[in-house]
């Protein structure tokens, strides 16, 4: 049986907790949300709630920023990565179909 805290998509962490975990400013996390790079869920009171998957994505975004990318550059890289993953998936399906 999967426990709720085992689900990487379950929104569990507040903006303050994530900021502390990753040693980031809360304002930076809000900026990632406003640029739609990391879009956490919202509680009933409209507070941000981050999942483990969100935290991992924030780490990926920070890594790209550390490499010198702007937020717009990060967005484009993430879009291209998603597109490549989708194309690889379609290619795998097509290869399997042809066998």
N, C-alpha and C. Protein backbone atom coordinates (compact mmCIF):
# COMPACT_ATOMS: atom_id res chain seq x y z
N UNK A 1 0.84 -1.18 0.00
CA UNK A 1 0.00 0.00 0.00
C UNK A 1 0.89 1.25 0.00
N UNK A 2 0.58 2.17 -0.89
CA UNK A 2 1.35 3.41 -0.99
C UNK A 2 0.84 4.40 0.04
N UNK A 3 1.76 4.94 0.79
CA UNK A 3 1.42 5.96 1.78
C UNK A 3 1.35 7.32 1.08
N UNK A 4 0.54 8.24 1.59
CA UNK A 4 0.43 9.56 0.95
C UNK A 4 1.78 10.27 0.80
N UNK A 5 2.66 10.10 1.76
CA UNK A 5 3.96 10.78 1.69
C UNK A 5 4.92 10.10 0.73
N UNK A 6 4.56 8.91 0.21
CA UNK A 6 5.39 8.23 -0.78
C UNK A 6 5.11 8.73 -2.20
N UNK A 7 4.02 9.44 -2.38
CA UNK A 7 3.63 9.93 -3.69
C UNK A 7 4.43 11.19 -4.02
N UNK A 8 5.31 11.13 -5.04
CA UNK A 8 6.13 12.32 -5.36
C UNK A 8 5.33 13.50 -5.89
N UNK A 9 4.09 13.26 -6.29
CA UNK A 9 3.25 14.35 -6.82
C UNK A 9 2.36 14.97 -5.74
N UNK A 10 2.37 14.44 -4.54
CA UNK A 10 1.49 14.95 -3.48
C UNK A 10 2.03 16.29 -2.97
N UNK A 11 1.22 17.34 -3.03
CA UNK A 11 1.67 18.65 -2.53
C UNK A 11 1.70 18.67 -1.01
N UNK A 12 2.91 18.73 -0.45
CA UNK A 12 3.07 18.62 1.00
C UNK A 12 3.83 19.77 1.64
N UNK A 13 4.65 20.47 0.88
CA UNK A 13 5.57 21.43 1.47
C UNK A 13 5.13 22.87 1.21
N UNK A 14 5.29 23.71 2.20
CA UNK A 14 4.98 25.13 2.06
C UNK A 14 6.16 25.83 1.39
N UNK A 15 5.93 27.04 0.95
CA UNK A 15 7.00 27.82 0.32
C UNK A 15 8.15 28.02 1.30
N UNK A 16 7.85 28.23 2.56
CA UNK A 16 8.90 28.41 3.57
C UNK A 16 9.72 27.14 3.77
N UNK A 17 9.06 26.00 3.78
CA UNK A 17 9.78 24.74 3.94
C UNK A 17 10.70 24.47 2.76
N UNK A 18 10.21 24.72 1.56
CA UNK A 18 11.03 24.50 0.36
C UNK A 18 12.20 25.48 0.34
N UNK A 19 11.95 26.72 0.69
CA UNK A 19 13.03 27.71 0.74
C UNK A 19 14.12 27.25 1.71
N UNK A 20 13.71 26.75 2.87
CA UNK A 20 14.69 26.25 3.85
C UNK A 20 15.42 25.01 3.33
N UNK A 21 14.69 24.10 2.72
CA UNK A 21 15.30 22.85 2.22
C UNK A 21 16.37 23.13 1.18
N UNK A 22 16.09 24.09 0.30
CA UNK A 22 16.98 24.36 -0.83
C UNK A 22 17.85 25.59 -0.63
N UNK A 23 17.74 26.22 0.52
CA UNK A 23 18.50 27.43 0.83
C UNK A 23 18.27 28.50 -0.23
N UNK A 24 16.99 28.77 -0.49
CA UNK A 24 16.58 29.77 -1.47
C UNK A 24 15.69 30.80 -0.79
N UNK A 25 15.52 31.92 -1.45
CA UNK A 25 14.61 32.94 -0.96
C UNK A 25 13.18 32.58 -1.38
N UNK A 26 12.22 32.85 -0.51
CA UNK A 26 10.82 32.61 -0.85
C UNK A 26 10.41 33.41 -2.08
N UNK A 27 10.92 34.61 -2.19
CA UNK A 27 10.59 35.46 -3.35
C UNK A 27 11.03 34.80 -4.65
N UNK A 28 12.16 34.10 -4.63
CA UNK A 28 12.64 33.41 -5.82
C UNK A 28 11.66 32.29 -6.21
N UNK A 29 11.16 31.57 -5.22
CA UNK A 29 10.19 30.50 -5.50
C UNK A 29 8.90 31.08 -6.08
N UNK A 30 8.47 32.20 -5.54
CA UNK A 30 7.28 32.86 -6.09
C UNK A 30 7.53 33.32 -7.53
N UNK A 31 8.75 33.76 -7.79
CA UNK A 31 9.10 34.20 -9.15
C UNK A 31 9.07 33.02 -10.13
N UNK A 32 9.55 31.86 -9.69
CA UNK A 32 9.48 30.68 -10.56
C UNK A 32 8.03 30.35 -10.89
N UNK A 33 7.15 30.54 -9.90
CA UNK A 33 5.73 30.29 -10.12
C UNK A 33 5.16 31.33 -11.09
N UNK A 34 5.50 32.58 -10.92
CA UNK A 34 4.96 33.62 -11.80
C UNK A 34 5.44 33.45 -13.24
N UNK A 35 6.62 32.86 -13.41
CA UNK A 35 7.15 32.57 -14.76
C UNK A 35 6.70 31.20 -15.25
N UNK A 36 5.88 30.53 -14.46
CA UNK A 36 5.32 29.21 -14.79
C UNK A 36 6.39 28.16 -15.05
N UNK A 37 7.51 28.26 -14.34
CA UNK A 37 8.55 27.24 -14.42
C UNK A 37 8.30 26.12 -13.43
N UNK A 38 7.78 26.47 -12.29
CA UNK A 38 7.35 25.51 -11.28
C UNK A 38 6.01 26.03 -10.75
N UNK A 39 4.98 25.26 -10.96
CA UNK A 39 3.62 25.70 -10.59
C UNK A 39 3.07 24.78 -9.51
N UNK A 40 3.30 25.14 -8.25
CA UNK A 40 2.82 24.29 -7.17
C UNK A 40 1.30 24.32 -7.06
N UNK A 41 0.79 23.30 -6.39
CA UNK A 41 -0.65 23.26 -6.10
C UNK A 41 -0.97 24.37 -5.10
N UNK A 42 -2.24 24.60 -4.89
CA UNK A 42 -2.68 25.61 -3.92
C UNK A 42 -3.57 24.95 -2.88
N UNK A 43 -3.39 25.38 -1.64
CA UNK A 43 -4.25 24.91 -0.56
C UNK A 43 -5.60 25.61 -0.66
N UNK A 44 -6.53 25.23 0.19
CA UNK A 44 -7.84 25.89 0.20
C UNK A 44 -7.70 27.38 0.48
N UNK A 45 -6.67 27.74 1.24
CA UNK A 45 -6.41 29.15 1.54
C UNK A 45 -5.56 29.82 0.48
N UNK A 46 -5.33 29.15 -0.66
CA UNK A 46 -4.57 29.66 -1.80
C UNK A 46 -3.07 29.77 -1.53
N UNK A 47 -2.57 29.03 -0.54
CA UNK A 47 -1.13 29.02 -0.29
C UNK A 47 -0.47 27.95 -1.15
N UNK A 48 0.75 28.23 -1.60
CA UNK A 48 1.47 27.29 -2.43
C UNK A 48 1.80 26.03 -1.63
N UNK A 49 1.65 24.88 -2.29
CA UNK A 49 2.02 23.59 -1.71
C UNK A 49 2.83 22.83 -2.75
N UNK A 50 4.08 22.57 -2.41
CA UNK A 50 5.01 21.92 -3.33
C UNK A 50 5.08 20.42 -3.09
N UNK A 51 5.20 19.68 -4.17
CA UNK A 51 5.41 18.24 -4.09
C UNK A 51 6.91 17.95 -4.15
N UNK A 52 7.28 16.69 -3.93
CA UNK A 52 8.69 16.31 -4.09
C UNK A 52 9.11 16.50 -5.54
N UNK A 53 8.20 16.23 -6.48
CA UNK A 53 8.51 16.44 -7.90
C UNK A 53 8.77 17.93 -8.18
N UNK A 54 7.99 18.81 -7.55
CA UNK A 54 8.22 20.26 -7.69
C UNK A 54 9.60 20.63 -7.16
N UNK A 55 9.95 20.07 -6.01
CA UNK A 55 11.25 20.37 -5.39
C UNK A 55 12.37 19.91 -6.32
N UNK A 56 12.21 18.74 -6.92
CA UNK A 56 13.22 18.25 -7.87
C UNK A 56 13.33 19.18 -9.08
N UNK A 57 12.20 19.66 -9.55
CA UNK A 57 12.21 20.56 -10.72
C UNK A 57 12.87 21.89 -10.35
N UNK A 58 12.64 22.38 -9.14
CA UNK A 58 13.30 23.61 -8.69
C UNK A 58 14.81 23.40 -8.71
N UNK A 59 15.25 22.24 -8.26
CA UNK A 59 16.68 21.93 -8.30
C UNK A 59 17.22 21.94 -9.72
N UNK A 60 16.45 21.39 -10.65
CA UNK A 60 16.85 21.39 -12.06
C UNK A 60 16.92 22.82 -12.60
N UNK A 61 15.93 23.63 -12.27
CA UNK A 61 15.91 25.03 -12.70
C UNK A 61 17.13 25.77 -12.13
N UNK A 62 17.41 25.57 -10.87
CA UNK A 62 18.57 26.24 -10.24
C UNK A 62 19.87 25.82 -10.91
N UNK A 63 19.97 24.54 -11.28
CA UNK A 63 21.16 24.06 -11.98
C UNK A 63 21.35 24.77 -13.32
N UNK A 64 20.26 24.96 -14.04
CA UNK A 64 20.35 25.66 -15.33
C UNK A 64 20.69 27.13 -15.14
N UNK A 65 20.14 27.74 -14.11
CA UNK A 65 20.47 29.14 -13.81
C UNK A 65 21.95 29.25 -13.44
N UNK A 66 22.45 28.29 -12.67
CA UNK A 66 23.87 28.29 -12.31
C UNK A 66 24.77 28.17 -13.53
N UNK A 67 24.25 27.57 -14.59
CA UNK A 67 25.01 27.45 -15.84
C UNK A 67 24.94 28.72 -16.68
N UNK A 68 24.18 29.70 -16.20
CA UNK A 68 24.14 31.00 -16.86
C UNK A 68 22.88 31.29 -17.65
N UNK A 69 21.88 30.42 -17.59
CA UNK A 69 20.65 30.66 -18.33
C UNK A 69 19.76 31.65 -17.61
N UNK A 70 19.01 32.40 -18.38
CA UNK A 70 17.98 33.27 -17.82
C UNK A 70 16.74 32.42 -17.57
N UNK A 71 15.75 33.01 -16.90
CA UNK A 71 14.51 32.27 -16.67
C UNK A 71 13.85 31.91 -17.99
N UNK A 72 13.90 32.79 -18.96
CA UNK A 72 13.32 32.48 -20.27
C UNK A 72 14.12 31.37 -20.95
N UNK A 73 15.44 31.39 -20.79
CA UNK A 73 16.27 30.31 -21.33
C UNK A 73 15.96 28.98 -20.67
N UNK A 74 15.76 29.01 -19.36
CA UNK A 74 15.39 27.80 -18.63
C UNK A 74 14.07 27.26 -19.16
N UNK A 75 13.10 28.15 -19.37
CA UNK A 75 11.80 27.72 -19.88
C UNK A 75 11.97 27.00 -21.22
N UNK A 76 12.79 27.58 -22.10
CA UNK A 76 12.98 26.98 -23.43
C UNK A 76 13.65 25.62 -23.33
N UNK A 77 14.67 25.50 -22.48
CA UNK A 77 15.35 24.21 -22.30
C UNK A 77 14.36 23.16 -21.79
N UNK A 78 13.54 23.52 -20.81
CA UNK A 78 12.57 22.57 -20.26
C UNK A 78 11.54 22.18 -21.32
N UNK A 79 11.11 23.14 -22.14
CA UNK A 79 10.17 22.84 -23.23
C UNK A 79 10.80 21.86 -24.21
N UNK A 80 12.04 22.11 -24.57
CA UNK A 80 12.73 21.24 -25.53
C UNK A 80 12.95 19.84 -24.93
N UNK A 81 13.29 19.77 -23.65
CA UNK A 81 13.45 18.46 -23.01
C UNK A 81 12.15 17.67 -23.04
N UNK A 82 11.04 18.35 -22.77
CA UNK A 82 9.73 17.68 -22.80
C UNK A 82 9.40 17.22 -24.22
N UNK A 83 9.71 18.04 -25.20
CA UNK A 83 9.45 17.69 -26.60
C UNK A 83 10.29 16.48 -27.01
N UNK A 84 11.55 16.45 -26.64
CA UNK A 84 12.42 15.31 -26.96
C UNK A 84 11.89 14.04 -26.29
N UNK A 85 11.47 14.14 -25.03
CA UNK A 85 10.93 12.97 -24.34
C UNK A 85 9.68 12.44 -25.04
N UNK A 86 8.81 13.36 -25.47
CA UNK A 86 7.59 12.95 -26.17
C UNK A 86 7.94 12.27 -27.51
N UNK A 87 8.87 12.84 -28.24
CA UNK A 87 9.27 12.25 -29.52
C UNK A 87 9.92 10.89 -29.33
N UNK A 88 10.73 10.73 -28.30
CA UNK A 88 11.35 9.43 -28.01
C UNK A 88 10.28 8.39 -27.70
N UNK A 89 9.27 8.80 -26.96
CA UNK A 89 8.18 7.90 -26.63
C UNK A 89 7.43 7.47 -27.89
N UNK A 90 7.12 8.43 -28.75
CA UNK A 90 6.43 8.11 -30.00
C UNK A 90 7.28 7.20 -30.88
N UNK A 91 8.57 7.45 -30.92
CA UNK A 91 9.47 6.62 -31.71
C UNK A 91 9.51 5.19 -31.18
N UNK A 92 9.54 5.04 -29.88
CA UNK A 92 9.55 3.71 -29.28
C UNK A 92 8.26 2.95 -29.61
N UNK A 93 7.13 3.65 -29.55
CA UNK A 93 5.85 3.03 -29.90
C UNK A 93 5.86 2.60 -31.36
N UNK A 94 6.34 3.46 -32.24
CA UNK A 94 6.39 3.15 -33.67
C UNK A 94 7.31 1.97 -33.95
N UNK A 95 8.45 1.93 -33.28
CA UNK A 95 9.39 0.80 -33.46
C UNK A 95 8.76 -0.49 -33.00
N UNK A 96 8.06 -0.45 -31.86
CA UNK A 96 7.40 -1.64 -31.33
C UNK A 96 6.29 -2.10 -32.28
N UNK A 97 5.58 -1.17 -32.86
CA UNK A 97 4.49 -1.49 -33.79
C UNK A 97 5.02 -2.18 -35.03
N UNK A 98 6.20 -1.75 -35.50
CA UNK A 98 6.78 -2.32 -36.72
C UNK A 98 7.36 -3.70 -36.51
N UNK A 99 7.59 -4.10 -35.30
CA UNK A 99 8.21 -5.42 -35.05
C UNK A 99 7.20 -6.47 -35.13
